[in-house]
Amino acid sequence: MFKESSKKYLSADRGKFLSRYRLNPIIFNKVKQNMKL
């Protein structure tokens, strides 16, 4: 579920997605681990 929504955001607008989650470091780190940035 979480990874699927990540892919949607990445394909839609990666910069927007990253800046959005950068506001919440805990979630951003989780996303970063899942996507292996």
C-alpha atoms as a PDB file:
ATOM      1  CA  MET A   1       0.000   0.000   0.000  1.00  0.00           C
ATOM      2  CA  PHE A   2       2.695   2.458   1.048  1.00  0.00           C
ATOM      3  CA  LYS A   3       5.030   1.537  -1.800  1.00  0.00           C
ATOM      4  CA  GLU A   4       2.229   1.741  -4.356  1.00  0.00           C
ATOM      5  CA  SER A   5       1.335   5.271  -3.330  1.00  0.00           C
ATOM      6  CA  SER A   6       5.029   6.157  -3.474  1.00  0.00           C
ATOM      7  CA  LYS A   7       5.222   5.020  -7.091  1.00  0.00           C
ATOM      8  CA  LYS A   8       2.144   7.078  -7.956  1.00  0.00           C
ATOM      9  CA  TYR A   9       3.707  10.196  -6.485  1.00  0.00           C
ATOM     10  CA  LEU A  10       7.012   9.504  -8.199  1.00  0.00           C
ATOM     11  CA  SER A  11       5.414   9.148 -11.610  1.00  0.00           C
ATOM     12  CA  ALA A  12       3.207  12.193 -11.008  1.00  0.00           C
ATOM     13  CA  ASP A  13       5.766  14.668  -9.661  1.00  0.00           C
ATOM     14  CA  ARG A  14       8.876  13.467  -7.873  1.00  0.00           C
ATOM     15  CA  GLY A  15       9.976  16.883  -6.620  1.00  0.00           C
ATOM     16  CA  LYS A  16       6.572  17.636  -5.150  1.00  0.00           C
ATOM     17  CA  PHE A  17       6.519  14.239  -3.434  1.00  0.00           C
ATOM     18  CA  LEU A  18       9.972  14.634  -1.927  1.00  0.00           C
ATOM     19  CA  SER A  19       9.383  18.189  -0.708  1.00  0.00           C
ATOM     20  CA  ARG A  20       6.092  17.086   0.815  1.00  0.00           C
ATOM     21  CA  TYR A  21       7.695  14.300   2.827  1.00  0.00           C
ATOM     22  CA  ARG A  22      10.751  16.329   3.713  1.00  0.00           C
ATOM     23  CA  LEU A  23       8.395  18.229   6.037  1.00  0.00           C
ATOM     24  CA  ASN A  24       8.059  14.994   8.020  1.00  0.00           C
ATOM     25  CA  PRO A  25      11.566  13.477   8.467  1.00  0.00           C
ATOM     26  CA  ILE A  26      10.290  10.177   9.887  1.00  0.00           C
ATOM     27  CA  ILE A  27       8.004   9.480   6.929  1.00  0.00           C
ATOM     28  CA  PHE A  28      10.595  10.808   4.486  1.00  0.00           C
ATOM     29  CA  ASN A  29      13.243   8.419   5.831  1.00  0.00           C
ATOM     30  CA  LYS A  30      10.798   5.522   5.543  1.00  0.00           C
ATOM     31  CA  VAL A  31      10.020   6.446   1.950  1.00  0.00           C
ATOM     32  CA  LYS A  32      13.715   6.844   1.188  1.00  0.00           C
ATOM     33  CA  GLN A  33      14.390   3.333   2.505  1.00  0.00           C
ATOM     34  CA  ASN A  34      11.506   1.858   0.505  1.00  0.00           C
ATOM     35  CA  MET A  35      12.612   3.495  -2.734  1.00  0.00           C
ATOM     36  CA  LYS A  36      16.342   3.129  -1.988  1.00  0.00           C
ATOM     37  CA  LEU A  37      17.135   6.665  -3.116  1.00  0.00           C
END
